[in-house]
Amino acid sequence: VRLQTQPKPQPGQPPLYSGTFDCFRKTLVGEGVRGLYRGMAAPIIGVTPMFAVCFFGFGLGKRLQQRKPDDILTYPQLFAAGMLSGVFTTAIMAPGERIKCLLQIQAATGETKYSGSLDCAKQLYREAGIRGVYKGTVLTLMRDVPASGMYFMTYEWLKNVLTPEGKSVSDLSVPRILFAGGLAGIFNWAVAIPPDVLKSRFQTAPPGKYPNGFRDVLRELIKEEGVASLYKGFTAVMIRAFPANAACFLGFEVAMKFLNWIAPGL
């Protein structure tokens, strides 16, 4: 977020952050370890229901396209099912992302308008109602719908590729699940980064700055910083994407096996 929203440098001046590791170093020096987790309370509160809804949406998307429970879906059908999961998660993701971005920017600029996630949500609601809390929902949809489609389709494809001949996908080893999940996360964010940059800029902009929404943000970014600006934060995102999503899919697979063991008919 800090890389995506850093102010445009004045002529002859260097940017606030020269890259991912410079941003990491300056945040650590200026704010300590806590600075690396600024604004994380809202996403953490929402992460459990968000992933539950995400995987539920994917499962529902698959069932809607199957005539029989054991029908094997094509990869475009898996992509469509994944996109449905992105729609489901937006209601939880949008406000959490808005609060996280505002607190990150506040820490970077040195201003103290919000004392924490709850105070931020209260002030946003007081100033602009529920629309203020959900500012950036359309851009969150634009990010999560295609990215979630890529996420789940890539994971299912990699599981099939990594399954030894004559073996079942359900018998994949832990290292293979981790590899498939991590790579799926990278593919997910390769699609998600441009709309994520637009979303971060829009959600942290002063009220009324972008009256036409993402079109104004996109126009300004391309005009002032070029097409490459749509991939700001690429390195930071990719460093996070593999381990985070490897762990996510491993947790899902382990949970499903456990639930099928204790409640086979559930």
C-alpha atoms as a PDB file:
ATOM      1  CA  VAL A   1       0.000   0.000   0.000  1.00  0.00           C
ATOM      2  CA  ARG A   2       2.770   2.448   0.869  1.00  0.00           C
ATOM      3  CA  LEU A   3       4.558   1.812  -2.409  1.00  0.00           C
ATOM      4  CA  GLN A   4       1.317   2.070  -4.390  1.00  0.00           C
ATOM      5  CA  THR A   5       0.260   5.385  -2.855  1.00  0.00           C
ATOM      6  CA  GLN A   6       3.538   7.217  -2.249  1.00  0.00           C
ATOM      7  CA  PRO A   7       3.315  10.853  -3.393  1.00  0.00           C
ATOM      8  CA  LYS A   8       4.782  11.887  -6.714  1.00  0.00           C
ATOM      9  CA  PRO A   9       8.271  13.366  -6.061  1.00  0.00           C
ATOM     10  CA  GLN A  10       8.993  16.989  -6.883  1.00  0.00           C
ATOM     11  CA  PRO A  11      11.272  17.666  -9.893  1.00  0.00           C
ATOM     12  CA  GLY A  12      14.825  16.728  -8.965  1.00  0.00           C
ATOM     13  CA  GLN A  13      13.745  14.961  -5.777  1.00  0.00           C
ATOM     14  CA  PRO A  14      13.946  11.162  -5.251  1.00  0.00           C
ATOM     15  CA  PRO A  15      10.738   9.233  -4.506  1.00  0.00           C
ATOM     16  CA  LEU A  16       9.847   8.573  -0.867  1.00  0.00           C
ATOM     17  CA  TYR A  17      10.638   4.861  -1.355  1.00  0.00           C
ATOM     18  CA  SER A  18      13.018   3.593  -4.026  1.00  0.00           C
ATOM     19  CA  GLY A  19      11.595   0.067  -3.823  1.00  0.00           C
ATOM     20  CA  THR A  20      10.277  -2.716  -1.628  1.00  0.00           C
ATOM     21  CA  PHE A  21      13.334  -3.167   0.560  1.00  0.00           C
ATOM     22  CA  ASP A  22      13.857   0.580   0.984  1.00  0.00           C
ATOM     23  CA  CYS A  23      10.239   0.876   2.104  1.00  0.00           C
ATOM     24  CA  PHE A  24      10.751  -2.027   4.523  1.00  0.00           C
ATOM     25  CA  ARG A  25      13.905  -0.462   5.978  1.00  0.00           C
ATOM     26  CA  LYS A  26      12.420   3.024   6.403  1.00  0.00           C
ATOM     27  CA  THR A  27       9.241   1.657   7.984  1.00  0.00           C
ATOM     28  CA  LEU A  28      11.254  -0.486  10.395  1.00  0.00           C
ATOM     29  CA  VAL A  29      13.599   2.370  11.345  1.00  0.00           C
ATOM     30  CA  GLY A  30      10.857   4.975  11.639  1.00  0.00           C
ATOM     31  CA  GLU A  31       8.080   2.962  13.284  1.00  0.00           C
ATOM     32  CA  GLY A  32       9.575  -0.284  14.498  1.00  0.00           C
ATOM     33  CA  VAL A  33       8.164  -3.757  13.890  1.00  0.00           C
ATOM     34  CA  ARG A  34       4.624  -2.528  14.675  1.00  0.00           C
ATOM     35  CA  GLY A  35       4.820  -0.264  11.633  1.00  0.00           C
ATOM     36  CA  LEU A  36       4.952  -3.339   9.383  1.00  0.00           C
ATOM     37  CA  TYR A  37       1.555  -4.416  10.730  1.00  0.00           C
ATOM     38  CA  ARG A  38      -0.145  -1.011  10.682  1.00  0.00           C
ATOM     39  CA  GLY A  39      -3.832  -1.246   9.801  1.00  0.00           C
ATOM     40  CA  MET A  40      -3.977  -5.039  10.089  1.00  0.00           C
ATOM     41  CA  ALA A  41      -6.715  -5.298  12.748  1.00  0.00           C
ATOM     42  CA  ALA A  42      -9.573  -4.937  10.258  1.00  0.00           C
ATOM     43  CA  PRO A  43      -8.243  -7.528   7.749  1.00  0.00           C
ATOM     44  CA  ILE A  44      -7.440  -9.954  10.579  1.00  0.00           C
ATOM     45  CA  ILE A  45     -10.990  -9.696  11.946  1.00  0.00           C
ATOM     46  CA  GLY A  46     -12.368 -10.380   8.492  1.00  0.00           C
ATOM     47  CA  VAL A  47      -9.907 -13.032   7.294  1.00  0.00           C
ATOM     48  CA  THR A  48     -11.632 -16.104   8.762  1.00  0.00           C
ATOM     49  CA  PRO A  49     -15.143 -15.367   7.437  1.00  0.00           C
ATOM     50  CA  MET A  50     -13.637 -14.045   4.204  1.00  0.00           C
ATOM     51  CA  PHE A  51     -11.828 -17.294   3.378  1.00  0.00           C
ATOM     52  CA  ALA A  52     -14.800 -19.342   4.527  1.00  0.00           C
ATOM     53  CA  VAL A  53     -17.033 -17.393   2.129  1.00  0.00           C
ATOM     54  CA  CYS A  54     -14.340 -17.532  -0.578  1.00  0.00           C
ATOM     55  CA  PHE A  55     -14.100 -21.336  -0.591  1.00  0.00           C
ATOM     56  CA  PHE A  56     -17.868 -21.659  -0.162  1.00  0.00           C
ATOM     57  CA  GLY A  57     -18.377 -19.462  -3.235  1.00  0.00           C
ATOM     58  CA  PHE A  58     -15.975 -21.578  -5.260  1.00  0.00           C
ATOM     59  CA  GLY A  59     -17.736 -24.780  -4.188  1.00  0.00           C
ATOM     60  CA  LEU A  60     -21.125 -23.274  -5.024  1.00  0.00           C
ATOM     61  CA  GLY A  61     -19.834 -22.112  -8.405  1.00  0.00           C
ATOM     62  CA  LYS A  62     -18.710 -25.643  -9.191  1.00  0.00           C
ATOM     63  CA  ARG A  63     -21.998 -27.218  -8.105  1.00  0.00           C
ATOM     64  CA  LEU A  64     -24.032 -24.773 -10.194  1.00  0.00           C
ATOM     65  CA  GLN A  65     -22.206 -25.988 -13.310  1.00  0.00           C
ATOM     66  CA  GLN A  66     -22.365 -29.727 -12.551  1.00  0.00           C
ATOM     67  CA  ARG A  67     -25.256 -31.879 -13.713  1.00  0.00           C
ATOM     68  CA  LYS A  68     -24.042 -34.705 -11.462  1.00  0.00           C
ATOM     69  CA  PRO A  69     -21.905 -34.388  -8.306  1.00  0.00           C
ATOM     70  CA  ASP A  70     -19.010 -36.312  -9.883  1.00  0.00           C
ATOM     71  CA  ASP A  71     -18.907 -34.310 -13.136  1.00  0.00           C
ATOM     72  CA  ILE A  72     -15.385 -33.092 -13.971  1.00  0.00           C
ATOM     73  CA  LEU A  73     -15.364 -29.383 -14.839  1.00  0.00           C
ATOM     74  CA  THR A  74     -13.297 -27.803 -17.593  1.00  0.00           C
ATOM     75  CA  TYR A  75     -10.754 -25.143 -16.705  1.00  0.00           C
ATOM     76  CA  PRO A  76     -12.975 -22.288 -18.012  1.00  0.00           C
ATOM     77  CA  GLN A  77     -15.739 -23.615 -15.739  1.00  0.00           C
ATOM     78  CA  LEU A  78     -13.336 -23.667 -12.795  1.00  0.00           C
ATOM     79  CA  PHE A  79     -12.364 -20.083 -13.666  1.00  0.00           C
ATOM     80  CA  ALA A  80     -16.049 -19.082 -13.628  1.00  0.00           C
ATOM     81  CA  ALA A  81     -16.553 -20.789 -10.258  1.00  0.00           C
ATOM     82  CA  GLY A  82     -13.538 -18.935  -8.892  1.00  0.00           C
ATOM     83  CA  MET A  83     -14.936 -15.617 -10.118  1.00  0.00           C
ATOM     84  CA  LEU A  84     -18.122 -16.260  -8.133  1.00  0.00           C
ATOM     85  CA  SER A  85     -16.032 -16.631  -4.984  1.00  0.00           C
ATOM     86  CA  GLY A  86     -14.568 -13.164  -5.671  1.00  0.00           C
ATOM     87  CA  VAL A  87     -18.067 -11.685  -5.732  1.00  0.00           C
ATOM     88  CA  PHE A  88     -18.880 -13.349  -2.411  1.00  0.00           C
ATOM     89  CA  THR A  89     -15.808 -12.007  -0.588  1.00  0.00           C
ATOM     90  CA  THR A  90     -16.112  -8.362  -1.673  1.00  0.00           C
ATOM     91  CA  ALA A  91     -18.694  -7.475   0.991  1.00  0.00           C
ATOM     92  CA  ILE A  92     -16.155  -8.440   3.664  1.00  0.00           C
ATOM     93  CA  MET A  93     -12.993  -7.310   1.875  1.00  0.00           C
ATOM     94  CA  ALA A  94     -13.942  -3.782   0.789  1.00  0.00           C
ATOM     95  CA  PRO A  95     -14.329  -2.089   4.208  1.00  0.00           C
ATOM     96  CA  GLY A  96     -11.315  -3.908   5.664  1.00  0.00           C
ATOM     97  CA  GLU A  97      -9.153  -2.844   2.725  1.00  0.00           C
ATOM     98  CA  ARG A  98     -10.365   0.761   3.008  1.00  0.00           C
ATOM     99  CA  ILE A  99      -9.473   0.950   6.708  1.00  0.00           C
ATOM    100  CA  LYS A 100      -6.117  -0.795   6.227  1.00  0.00           C
ATOM    101  CA  CYS A 101      -5.088   1.557   3.416  1.00  0.00           C
ATOM    102  CA  LEU A 102      -6.042   4.707   5.346  1.00  0.00           C
ATOM    103  CA  LEU A 103      -4.097   3.621   8.423  1.00  0.00           C
ATOM    104  CA  GLN A 104      -1.059   2.717   6.308  1.00  0.00           C
ATOM    105  CA  ILE A 105      -1.072   6.117   4.617  1.00  0.00           C
ATOM    106  CA  GLN A 106      -1.605   7.909   7.914  1.00  0.00           C
ATOM    107  CA  ALA A 107       1.480   6.214   9.369  1.00  0.00           C
ATOM    108  CA  ALA A 108       3.575   7.073   6.309  1.00  0.00           C
ATOM    109  CA  THR A 109       2.615  10.776   6.319  1.00  0.00           C
ATOM    110  CA  GLY A 110       2.986  11.252  10.061  1.00  0.00           C
ATOM    111  CA  GLU A 111      -0.586  12.517  10.550  1.00  0.00           C
ATOM    112  CA  THR A 112      -2.764  11.032  13.281  1.00  0.00           C
ATOM    113  CA  LYS A 113      -6.404  11.283  12.307  1.00  0.00           C
ATOM    114  CA  TYR A 114      -7.394   7.750  13.319  1.00  0.00           C
ATOM    115  CA  SER A 115      -6.369   6.068  16.570  1.00  0.00           C
ATOM    116  CA  GLY A 116      -7.052   2.581  15.193  1.00  0.00           C
ATOM    117  CA  SER A 117      -9.264   0.434  12.982  1.00  0.00           C
ATOM    118  CA  LEU A 118     -12.459   0.902  15.005  1.00  0.00           C
ATOM    119  CA  ASP A 119     -11.962   4.660  15.268  1.00  0.00           C
ATOM    120  CA  CYS A 120     -11.311   4.815  11.514  1.00  0.00           C
ATOM    121  CA  ALA A 121     -14.548   2.927  10.759  1.00  0.00           C
ATOM    122  CA  LYS A 122     -16.525   5.203  13.095  1.00  0.00           C
ATOM    123  CA  GLN A 123     -15.138   8.373  11.541  1.00  0.00           C
ATOM    124  CA  LEU A 124     -15.738   7.140   7.990  1.00  0.00           C
ATOM    125  CA  TYR A 125     -19.335   6.282   8.843  1.00  0.00           C
ATOM    126  CA  ARG A 126     -19.863   9.630  10.589  1.00  0.00           C
ATOM    127  CA  GLU A 127     -18.476  11.572   7.623  1.00  0.00           C
ATOM    128  CA  ALA A 128     -20.068   9.759   4.685  1.00  0.00           C
ATOM    129  CA  GLY A 129     -22.283   6.956   5.985  1.00  0.00           C
ATOM    130  CA  ILE A 130     -21.988   3.396   4.765  1.00  0.00           C
ATOM    131  CA  ARG A 131     -20.788   4.670   1.361  1.00  0.00           C
ATOM    132  CA  GLY A 132     -17.683   6.054   3.050  1.00  0.00           C
ATOM    133  CA  VAL A 133     -16.883   2.698   4.641  1.00  0.00           C
ATOM    134  CA  TYR A 134     -17.429   0.843   1.360  1.00  0.00           C
ATOM    135  CA  LYS A 135     -15.593   3.327  -0.874  1.00  0.00           C
ATOM    136  CA  GLY A 136     -13.692   1.357  -3.516  1.00  0.00           C
ATOM    137  CA  THR A 137     -16.100  -1.594  -3.640  1.00  0.00           C
ATOM    138  CA  VAL A 138     -16.285  -1.565  -7.450  1.00  0.00           C
ATOM    139  CA  LEU A 139     -12.498  -1.608  -7.701  1.00  0.00           C
ATOM    140  CA  THR A 140     -12.355  -4.408  -5.120  1.00  0.00           C
ATOM    141  CA  LEU A 141     -14.720  -6.385  -7.370  1.00  0.00           C
ATOM    142  CA  MET A 142     -12.574  -5.577 -10.415  1.00  0.00           C
ATOM    143  CA  ARG A 143      -9.565  -6.929  -8.549  1.00  0.00           C
ATOM    144  CA  ASP A 144     -11.026  -9.986  -6.829  1.00  0.00           C
ATOM    145  CA  VAL A 145     -13.397 -11.419  -9.450  1.00  0.00           C
ATOM    146  CA  PRO A 146     -10.864 -12.156 -12.232  1.00  0.00           C
ATOM    147  CA  ALA A 147      -8.038 -12.770  -9.745  1.00  0.00           C
ATOM    148  CA  SER A 148     -10.077 -15.351  -7.821  1.00  0.00           C
ATOM    149  CA  GLY A 149     -10.956 -17.068 -11.086  1.00  0.00           C
ATOM    150  CA  MET A 150      -7.258 -17.324 -11.917  1.00  0.00           C
ATOM    151  CA  TYR A 151      -6.478 -18.378  -8.331  1.00  0.00           C
ATOM    152  CA  PHE A 152      -8.722 -21.421  -8.190  1.00  0.00           C
ATOM    153  CA  MET A 153      -8.301 -22.460 -11.817  1.00  0.00           C
ATOM    154  CA  THR A 154      -4.498 -22.411 -11.470  1.00  0.00           C
ATOM    155  CA  TYR A 155      -4.635 -24.369  -8.218  1.00  0.00           C
ATOM    156  CA  GLU A 156      -6.836 -27.104  -9.710  1.00  0.00           C
ATOM    157  CA  TRP A 157      -4.680 -27.253 -12.853  1.00  0.00           C
ATOM    158  CA  LEU A 158      -1.460 -27.559 -10.843  1.00  0.00           C
ATOM    159  CA  LYS A 159      -2.948 -30.265  -8.629  1.00  0.00           C
ATOM    160  CA  ASN A 160      -3.775 -32.285 -11.738  1.00  0.00           C
ATOM    161  CA  VAL A 161      -0.309 -31.718 -13.212  1.00  0.00           C
ATOM    162  CA  LEU A 162       1.422 -32.703  -9.968  1.00  0.00           C
ATOM    163  CA  THR A 163      -0.635 -35.837  -9.359  1.00  0.00           C
ATOM    164  CA  PRO A 164       1.410 -38.949 -10.248  1.00  0.00           C
ATOM    165  CA  GLU A 165      -0.108 -41.232 -12.873  1.00  0.00           C
ATOM    166  CA  GLY A 166      -2.484 -43.747 -11.354  1.00  0.00           C
ATOM    167  CA  LYS A 167      -2.877 -41.687  -8.157  1.00  0.00           C
ATOM    168  CA  SER A 168      -5.802 -39.557  -6.951  1.00  0.00           C
ATOM    169  CA  VAL A 169      -5.615 -35.788  -6.564  1.00  0.00           C
ATOM    170  CA  SER A 170      -6.753 -36.233  -2.960  1.00  0.00           C
ATOM    171  CA  ASP A 171      -3.521 -38.157  -2.244  1.00  0.00           C
ATOM    172  CA  LEU A 172      -1.170 -35.269  -3.062  1.00  0.00           C
ATOM    173  CA  SER A 173       1.724 -34.843  -0.643  1.00  0.00           C
ATOM    174  CA  VAL A 174       2.090 -31.755   1.540  1.00  0.00           C
ATOM    175  CA  PRO A 175       5.038 -30.308  -0.469  1.00  0.00           C
ATOM    176  CA  ARG A 176       3.028 -30.603  -3.708  1.00  0.00           C
ATOM    177  CA  ILE A 177      -0.014 -28.919  -2.151  1.00  0.00           C
ATOM    178  CA  LEU A 178       2.227 -26.128  -0.849  1.00  0.00           C
ATOM    179  CA  PHE A 179       3.802 -25.677  -4.281  1.00  0.00           C
ATOM    180  CA  ALA A 180       0.430 -25.633  -6.072  1.00  0.00           C
ATOM    181  CA  GLY A 181      -1.073 -23.203  -3.554  1.00  0.00           C
ATOM    182  CA  GLY A 182       1.915 -20.879  -3.601  1.00  0.00           C
ATOM    183  CA  LEU A 183       2.067 -20.745  -7.387  1.00  0.00           C
ATOM    184  CA  ALA A 184      -1.697 -20.174  -7.544  1.00  0.00           C
ATOM    185  CA  GLY A 185      -1.169 -17.175  -5.273  1.00  0.00           C
ATOM    186  CA  ILE A 186       1.429 -15.756  -7.652  1.00  0.00           C
ATOM    187  CA  PHE A 187      -0.911 -16.159 -10.639  1.00  0.00           C
ATOM    188  CA  ASN A 188      -3.705 -14.588  -8.595  1.00  0.00           C
ATOM    189  CA  TRP A 189      -1.685 -11.467  -7.837  1.00  0.00           C
ATOM    190  CA  ALA A 190      -0.273 -11.189 -11.344  1.00  0.00           C
ATOM    191  CA  VAL A 191      -3.872 -10.490 -12.387  1.00  0.00           C
ATOM    192  CA  ALA A 192      -4.822  -8.495  -9.272  1.00  0.00           C
ATOM    193  CA  ILE A 193      -1.990  -5.939  -8.993  1.00  0.00           C
ATOM    194  CA  PRO A 194      -3.185  -3.280 -11.511  1.00  0.00           C
ATOM    195  CA  PRO A 195      -6.721  -2.984 -10.064  1.00  0.00           C
ATOM    196  CA  ASP A 196      -5.190  -3.214  -6.571  1.00  0.00           C
ATOM    197  CA  VAL A 197      -3.040  -0.136  -7.284  1.00  0.00           C
ATOM    198  CA  LEU A 198      -6.106   1.734  -8.564  1.00  0.00           C
ATOM    199  CA  LYS A 199      -8.091   0.625  -5.511  1.00  0.00           C
ATOM    200  CA  SER A 200      -5.426   1.775  -3.041  1.00  0.00           C
ATOM    201  CA  ARG A 201      -5.139   5.174  -4.732  1.00  0.00           C
ATOM    202  CA  PHE A 202      -8.907   5.633  -4.854  1.00  0.00           C
ATOM    203  CA  GLN A 203      -9.550   4.503  -1.277  1.00  0.00           C
ATOM    204  CA  THR A 204      -6.925   6.852   0.177  1.00  0.00           C
ATOM    205  CA  ALA A 205      -7.764   9.901  -1.960  1.00  0.00           C
ATOM    206  CA  PRO A 206      -9.459  12.954  -0.411  1.00  0.00           C
ATOM    207  CA  PRO A 207     -13.259  13.085  -0.921  1.00  0.00           C
ATOM    208  CA  GLY A 208     -14.210  14.345  -4.398  1.00  0.00           C
ATOM    209  CA  LYS A 209     -10.734  13.965  -5.937  1.00  0.00           C
ATOM    210  CA  TYR A 210     -11.857  11.299  -8.412  1.00  0.00           C
ATOM    211  CA  PRO A 211     -15.498  12.081  -9.307  1.00  0.00           C
ATOM    212  CA  ASN A 212     -15.575   9.483 -12.111  1.00  0.00           C
ATOM    213  CA  GLY A 213     -14.087   6.724  -9.975  1.00  0.00           C
ATOM    214  CA  PHE A 214     -11.428   4.363 -11.289  1.00  0.00           C
ATOM    215  CA  ARG A 215     -11.395   6.009 -14.735  1.00  0.00           C
ATOM    216  CA  ASP A 216     -10.014   9.210 -13.223  1.00  0.00           C
ATOM    217  CA  VAL A 217      -7.457   7.268 -11.165  1.00  0.00           C
ATOM    218  CA  LEU A 218      -6.326   5.301 -14.217  1.00  0.00           C
ATOM    219  CA  ARG A 219      -6.105   8.424 -16.365  1.00  0.00           C
ATOM    220  CA  GLU A 220      -4.024  10.261 -13.769  1.00  0.00           C
ATOM    221  CA  LEU A 221      -1.662   7.335 -13.173  1.00  0.00           C
ATOM    222  CA  ILE A 222      -0.997   6.691 -16.862  1.00  0.00           C
ATOM    223  CA  LYS A 223      -0.547  10.381 -17.610  1.00  0.00           C
ATOM    224  CA  GLU A 224       1.760  11.219 -14.703  1.00  0.00           C
ATOM    225  CA  GLU A 225       3.641   7.986 -13.999  1.00  0.00           C
ATOM    226  CA  GLY A 226       3.206   5.720 -17.030  1.00  0.00           C
ATOM    227  CA  VAL A 227       1.874   2.180 -17.431  1.00  0.00           C
ATOM    228  CA  ALA A 228       4.562   0.771 -15.099  1.00  0.00           C
ATOM    229  CA  SER A 229       2.870   2.544 -12.171  1.00  0.00           C
ATOM    230  CA  LEU A 230       0.068  -0.036 -12.369  1.00  0.00           C
ATOM    231  CA  TYR A 231       2.554  -2.594 -11.054  1.00  0.00           C
ATOM    232  CA  LYS A 232       3.820  -0.611  -8.059  1.00  0.00           C
ATOM    233  CA  GLY A 233       4.454  -2.929  -5.144  1.00  0.00           C
ATOM    234  CA  PHE A 234       4.959  -5.956  -7.422  1.00  0.00           C
ATOM    235  CA  THR A 235       8.005  -7.246  -5.518  1.00  0.00           C
ATOM    236  CA  ALA A 236       6.356  -6.856  -2.107  1.00  0.00           C
ATOM    237  CA  VAL A 237       3.206  -8.639  -3.273  1.00  0.00           C
ATOM    238  CA  MET A 238       5.098 -11.532  -4.827  1.00  0.00           C
ATOM    239  CA  ILE A 239       7.272 -12.045  -1.721  1.00  0.00           C
ATOM    240  CA  ARG A 240       4.059 -12.445   0.260  1.00  0.00           C
ATOM    241  CA  ALA A 241       1.995 -14.331  -2.324  1.00  0.00           C
ATOM    242  CA  PHE A 242       3.759 -17.706  -2.368  1.00  0.00           C
ATOM    243  CA  PRO A 243       4.044 -18.535   1.362  1.00  0.00           C
ATOM    244  CA  ALA A 244       0.687 -16.987   2.304  1.00  0.00           C
ATOM    245  CA  ASN A 245      -1.300 -18.883  -0.308  1.00  0.00           C
ATOM    246  CA  ALA A 246       0.661 -22.107   0.091  1.00  0.00           C
ATOM    247  CA  ALA A 247      -0.359 -22.056   3.759  1.00  0.00           C
ATOM    248  CA  CYS A 248      -3.946 -21.128   2.873  1.00  0.00           C
ATOM    249  CA  PHE A 249      -4.519 -24.071   0.545  1.00  0.00           C
ATOM    250  CA  LEU A 250      -2.715 -26.491   2.847  1.00  0.00           C
ATOM    251  CA  GLY A 251      -4.973 -25.372   5.695  1.00  0.00           C
ATOM    252  CA  PHE A 252      -8.033 -25.866   3.494  1.00  0.00           C
ATOM    253  CA  GLU A 253      -7.028 -29.356   2.368  1.00  0.00           C
ATOM    254  CA  VAL A 254      -6.183 -30.459   5.925  1.00  0.00           C
ATOM    255  CA  ALA A 255      -9.452 -29.030   7.257  1.00  0.00           C
ATOM    256  CA  MET A 256     -11.484 -30.793   4.559  1.00  0.00           C
ATOM    257  CA  LYS A 257      -9.814 -34.146   5.264  1.00  0.00           C
ATOM    258  CA  PHE A 258     -10.419 -33.692   8.984  1.00  0.00           C
ATOM    259  CA  LEU A 259     -14.089 -32.761   8.490  1.00  0.00           C
ATOM    260  CA  ASN A 260     -14.636 -35.664   6.101  1.00  0.00           C
ATOM    261  CA  TRP A 261     -13.119 -37.962   8.717  1.00  0.00           C
ATOM    262  CA  ILE A 262     -15.229 -36.802  11.670  1.00  0.00           C
ATOM    263  CA  ALA A 263     -18.433 -36.142   9.696  1.00  0.00           C
ATOM    264  CA  PRO A 264     -18.400 -38.077   6.401  1.00  0.00           C
ATOM    265  CA  GLY A 265     -22.007 -37.231   5.542  1.00  0.00           C
ATOM    266  CA  LEU A 266     -21.743 -33.497   6.276  1.00  0.00           C
END
